[in-house]
Amino acid sequence: MPSLTQYASLVFDCDGVLLDSNAVKTQAFGAVTECYGAEISARFVDYHVSNGGVSRYQKFSHLFSAILRREAYPQEIEQLLQNYASKVREGLLNCAVADGLAQLRQATRSSRWLVASGGDQQELRAVFQVRGLSDYFDQGIYGSPTPKDRILLNALSLGEIQLPALFIGDSRFDHVCAKQAGLDFVFLSRWSEFPEWRDYCQRESLASFEDVAALSRAWSSL
């Protein structure tokens, strides 16, 4: 892996990296599926936590295909998506923002910055605008319904991500997507919901930091 100052592009996941929003989304997934019963809701939340970084569209599809084992009724998924979005938006507007972003941006002012998230793209762009984060990401803020792996490949083909590039994430899925796209990866642990992250990082020989502020300090010390 190159020294941190040599990366042409930095790619960020959102939930658990830029925003302390993992718990917000976990609670929302539980709340909107309570109508199917406590057992179904609990199984769905377990699936969600085990598949961090995957979009809500894929997760609700899994709810019907693998947990409820039936077709969705007309407009059922759309109603779930609307209910989920309304619960999540307030949380995204009020949760903590990662410390150290401004310092890291200053230290890497020659690098391209981009967000590749499993969160809804329109929702992310609106929240980032309100919270004053949009200007950090000169190469764009991308999310679902486009899958994260496709976001990375599209951005590479368009030159929005230039190599060498570093993906900053907090889930196994983030790492898988980064690896498939040829990006290096670092894991941020503070807000992650991936309980086995230490063993995973050791097994995959991944660098890990507590949060963006810790990464920024490490960067500035080089």
Protein backbone atom coordinates (compact mmCIF):
# COMPACT_ATOMS: atom_id res chain seq x y z
CA MET A 1 0.00 0.00 0.00
CA PRO A 2 1.45 3.42 -0.92
CA SER A 3 2.13 6.01 1.72
CA LEU A 4 -1.05 7.92 2.48
CA THR A 5 0.17 11.08 0.77
CA GLN A 6 0.49 9.25 -2.56
CA TYR A 7 -3.20 8.43 -3.07
CA ALA A 8 -4.81 10.22 -5.99
CA SER A 9 -8.33 9.49 -4.70
CA LEU A 10 -10.03 8.88 -1.37
CA VAL A 11 -13.38 7.10 -1.38
CA PHE A 12 -15.56 7.17 1.73
CA ASP A 13 -18.43 5.05 2.91
CA CYS A 14 -20.99 7.18 4.76
CA ASP A 15 -22.68 5.31 7.61
CA GLY A 16 -20.19 4.54 10.37
CA VAL A 17 -17.43 6.51 8.64
CA LEU A 18 -18.62 10.06 7.92
CA LEU A 19 -21.76 9.91 10.06
CA ASP A 20 -22.55 8.04 13.27
CA SER A 21 -25.65 6.66 11.58
CA ASN A 22 -25.40 2.88 11.74
CA ALA A 23 -27.58 2.67 14.84
CA VAL A 24 -30.07 5.09 13.29
CA LYS A 25 -30.58 2.73 10.35
CA THR A 26 -30.65 -0.42 12.45
CA GLN A 27 -33.40 1.03 14.63
CA ALA A 28 -35.34 2.18 11.57
CA PHE A 29 -35.16 -1.25 9.93
CA GLY A 30 -36.51 -2.79 13.12
CA ALA A 31 -39.32 -0.26 13.46
CA VAL A 32 -40.66 -0.53 9.91
CA THR A 33 -40.76 -4.35 9.97
CA GLU A 34 -42.48 -4.73 13.35
CA CYS A 35 -45.76 -5.11 11.43
CA TYR A 36 -44.57 -8.59 10.36
CA GLY A 37 -44.08 -9.71 13.96
CA ALA A 38 -41.22 -9.55 16.46
CA GLU A 39 -39.49 -12.70 15.20
CA ILE A 40 -39.46 -11.60 11.56
CA SER A 41 -38.30 -8.12 12.53
CA ALA A 42 -35.47 -9.52 14.67
CA ARG A 43 -34.31 -11.83 11.87
CA PHE A 44 -34.34 -8.96 9.42
CA VAL A 45 -32.34 -6.70 11.74
CA ASP A 46 -29.78 -9.50 12.21
CA TYR A 47 -29.51 -9.79 8.43
CA HIS A 48 -29.08 -6.04 8.10
CA VAL A 49 -26.31 -5.88 10.71
CA SER A 50 -24.51 -8.84 9.10
CA ASN A 51 -24.63 -7.12 5.71
CA GLY A 52 -23.44 -3.60 6.43
CA GLY A 53 -23.00 -1.48 3.33
CA VAL A 54 -25.68 -3.25 1.29
CA SER A 55 -28.49 -1.00 0.06
CA ARG A 56 -31.96 -0.86 1.60
CA TYR A 57 -33.41 -1.94 -1.76
CA GLN A 58 -31.49 -5.23 -1.65
CA LYS A 59 -32.32 -5.71 2.02
CA PHE A 60 -36.05 -5.30 1.61
CA SER A 61 -35.92 -7.65 -1.37
CA HIS A 62 -34.22 -10.20 0.91
CA LEU A 63 -36.95 -9.69 3.53
CA PHE A 64 -39.57 -11.02 1.13
CA SER A 65 -37.54 -13.61 -0.76
CA ALA A 66 -35.65 -15.23 2.12
CA ILE A 67 -37.42 -14.34 5.40
CA LEU A 68 -41.10 -13.93 4.57
CA ARG A 69 -40.72 -16.28 1.59
CA ARG A 70 -43.41 -14.68 -0.51
CA GLU A 71 -43.91 -12.06 -3.17
CA ALA A 72 -44.40 -8.50 -1.99
CA TYR A 73 -47.92 -7.17 -2.29
CA PRO A 74 -48.41 -4.26 -4.74
CA GLN A 75 -46.67 -1.14 -3.41
CA GLU A 76 -45.58 -3.00 -0.26
CA ILE A 77 -41.85 -2.47 -0.76
CA GLU A 78 -42.48 1.13 -1.77
CA GLN A 79 -44.36 1.74 1.47
CA LEU A 80 -41.54 0.14 3.47
CA LEU A 81 -39.02 2.35 1.68
CA GLN A 82 -41.04 5.48 2.40
CA ASN A 83 -41.52 4.61 6.07
CA TYR A 84 -37.85 3.76 6.43
CA ALA A 85 -36.71 6.96 4.71
CA SER A 86 -38.86 9.15 6.92
CA LYS A 87 -37.40 7.58 10.06
CA VAL A 88 -33.83 7.73 8.80
CA ARG A 89 -33.78 11.31 7.54
CA GLU A 90 -34.23 12.88 10.97
CA GLY A 91 -31.47 10.69 12.37
CA LEU A 92 -29.08 11.61 9.58
CA LEU A 93 -29.70 15.29 10.18
CA ASN A 94 -28.92 15.00 13.89
CA CYS A 95 -26.29 12.28 14.33
CA ALA A 96 -22.61 13.05 14.92
CA VAL A 97 -20.34 13.97 12.02
CA ALA A 98 -16.83 12.53 12.00
CA ASP A 99 -14.23 14.74 13.62
CA GLY A 100 -11.13 15.53 11.60
CA LEU A 101 -12.73 15.81 8.17
CA ALA A 102 -11.57 19.38 7.59
CA GLN A 103 -8.03 18.55 8.69
CA LEU A 104 -7.90 15.46 6.47
CA ARG A 105 -9.22 17.43 3.50
CA GLN A 106 -6.57 20.07 4.01
CA ALA A 107 -3.85 17.44 4.27
CA THR A 108 -5.05 15.74 1.07
CA ARG A 109 -6.10 18.81 -0.91
CA SER A 110 -4.55 17.37 -4.09
CA SER A 111 -6.60 14.16 -3.80
CA ARG A 112 -10.02 13.54 -5.32
CA TRP A 113 -12.75 12.80 -2.74
CA LEU A 114 -15.88 10.75 -3.43
CA VAL A 115 -18.63 9.09 -1.37
CA ALA A 116 -19.73 5.55 -2.28
CA SER A 117 -22.50 4.52 0.08
CA GLY A 118 -25.24 1.96 0.44
CA GLY A 119 -27.52 4.82 1.55
CA ASP A 120 -30.04 6.35 -0.81
CA GLN A 121 -28.28 8.77 -3.17
CA GLN A 122 -30.88 11.56 -3.17
CA GLU A 123 -31.21 11.34 0.61
CA LEU A 124 -27.43 11.51 1.07
CA ARG A 125 -27.02 14.52 -1.19
CA ALA A 126 -29.79 16.41 0.59
CA VAL A 127 -28.41 15.60 4.06
CA PHE A 128 -24.82 16.46 3.10
CA GLN A 129 -25.98 19.79 1.69
CA VAL A 130 -27.87 20.68 4.88
CA ARG A 131 -24.97 19.61 7.07
CA GLY A 132 -22.34 21.50 5.10
CA LEU A 133 -20.43 18.41 3.93
CA SER A 134 -21.02 18.48 0.17
CA ASP A 135 -18.05 20.69 -0.71
CA TYR A 136 -15.55 18.17 0.64
CA PHE A 137 -16.46 15.67 -2.06
CA ASP A 138 -15.41 17.23 -5.33
CA GLN A 139 -15.96 14.01 -7.30
CA GLY A 140 -19.49 13.38 -6.12
CA ILE A 141 -21.77 11.72 -3.58
CA TYR A 142 -23.13 8.39 -4.79
CA GLY A 143 -25.47 5.83 -3.28
CA SER A 144 -28.28 3.39 -3.92
CA PRO A 145 -30.17 2.20 -5.83
CA THR A 146 -26.88 1.74 -7.72
CA PRO A 147 -24.97 -1.00 -5.84
CA LYS A 148 -21.71 0.06 -4.21
CA ASP A 149 -19.54 -2.18 -6.37
CA ARG A 150 -21.08 -0.66 -9.51
CA ILE A 151 -20.61 2.87 -8.12
CA LEU A 152 -16.87 2.24 -7.83
CA LEU A 153 -16.57 0.74 -11.31
CA ASN A 154 -18.57 3.59 -12.85
CA ALA A 155 -16.45 6.21 -11.07
CA LEU A 156 -13.25 4.52 -12.22
CA SER A 157 -14.44 4.42 -15.83
CA LEU A 158 -15.38 8.11 -15.70
CA GLY A 159 -12.09 9.15 -14.11
CA GLU A 160 -13.79 10.36 -10.93
CA ILE A 161 -11.62 7.86 -9.07
CA GLN A 162 -8.00 7.77 -10.13
CA LEU A 163 -5.53 5.16 -8.96
CA PRO A 164 -3.91 4.66 -6.58
CA ALA A 165 -7.06 5.08 -4.52
CA LEU A 166 -8.00 4.33 -0.93
CA PHE A 167 -11.45 3.25 0.26
CA ILE A 168 -12.30 4.17 3.85
CA GLY A 169 -15.03 1.91 5.22
CA ASP A 170 -16.44 0.10 8.23
CA SER A 171 -17.80 -3.20 6.92
CA ARG A 172 -16.75 -6.42 5.27
CA PHE A 173 -18.81 -5.48 2.21
CA ASP A 174 -16.91 -2.19 1.88
CA HIS A 175 -13.66 -4.13 1.75
CA VAL A 176 -15.00 -6.66 -0.76
CA CYS A 177 -16.15 -3.86 -3.09
CA ALA A 178 -12.84 -2.00 -2.74
CA LYS A 179 -10.83 -5.13 -3.45
CA GLN A 180 -12.87 -5.99 -6.54
CA ALA A 181 -12.33 -2.47 -7.89
CA GLY A 182 -8.58 -2.47 -7.22
CA LEU A 183 -8.68 0.05 -4.38
CA ASP A 184 -6.68 -0.17 -1.18
CA PHE A 185 -8.72 -0.21 2.01
CA VAL A 186 -8.59 0.94 5.62
CA PHE A 187 -11.13 0.03 8.27
CA LEU A 188 -12.63 2.52 10.74
CA SER A 189 -13.87 0.81 13.88
CA ARG A 190 -15.45 3.38 16.21
CA TRP A 191 -18.99 3.36 14.76
CA SER A 192 -18.87 0.01 12.97
CA GLU A 193 -21.50 -2.65 13.62
CA PHE A 194 -19.16 -5.43 12.39
CA PRO A 195 -18.36 -7.35 15.60
CA GLU A 196 -15.59 -9.49 14.10
CA TRP A 197 -13.70 -6.57 12.58
CA ARG A 198 -10.47 -7.20 14.50
CA ASP A 199 -10.16 -10.80 13.36
CA TYR A 200 -11.19 -9.82 9.85
CA CYS A 201 -8.62 -7.04 9.57
CA GLN A 202 -5.90 -9.31 10.91
CA ARG A 203 -6.84 -12.10 8.51
CA GLU A 204 -6.98 -9.74 5.52
CA SER A 205 -3.91 -7.71 6.60
CA LEU A 206 -5.92 -4.49 6.69
CA ALA A 207 -4.88 -1.29 8.42
CA SER A 208 -7.47 -0.03 10.91
CA PHE A 209 -8.05 3.25 12.70
CA GLU A 210 -10.59 4.28 15.29
CA ASP A 211 -12.11 7.05 13.20
CA VAL A 212 -11.45 9.78 10.64
CA ALA A 213 -9.68 11.91 13.23
CA ALA A 214 -7.24 9.07 13.99
CA LEU A 215 -6.65 8.54 10.28
CA SER A 216 -6.06 12.27 9.87
CA ARG A 217 -3.52 12.30 12.68
CA ALA A 218 -1.70 9.34 11.17
CA TRP A 219 -1.71 11.05 7.78
CA SER A 220 -0.32 14.31 9.14
CA SER A 221 2.46 12.50 10.99
CA LEU A 222 3.94 11.10 7.79
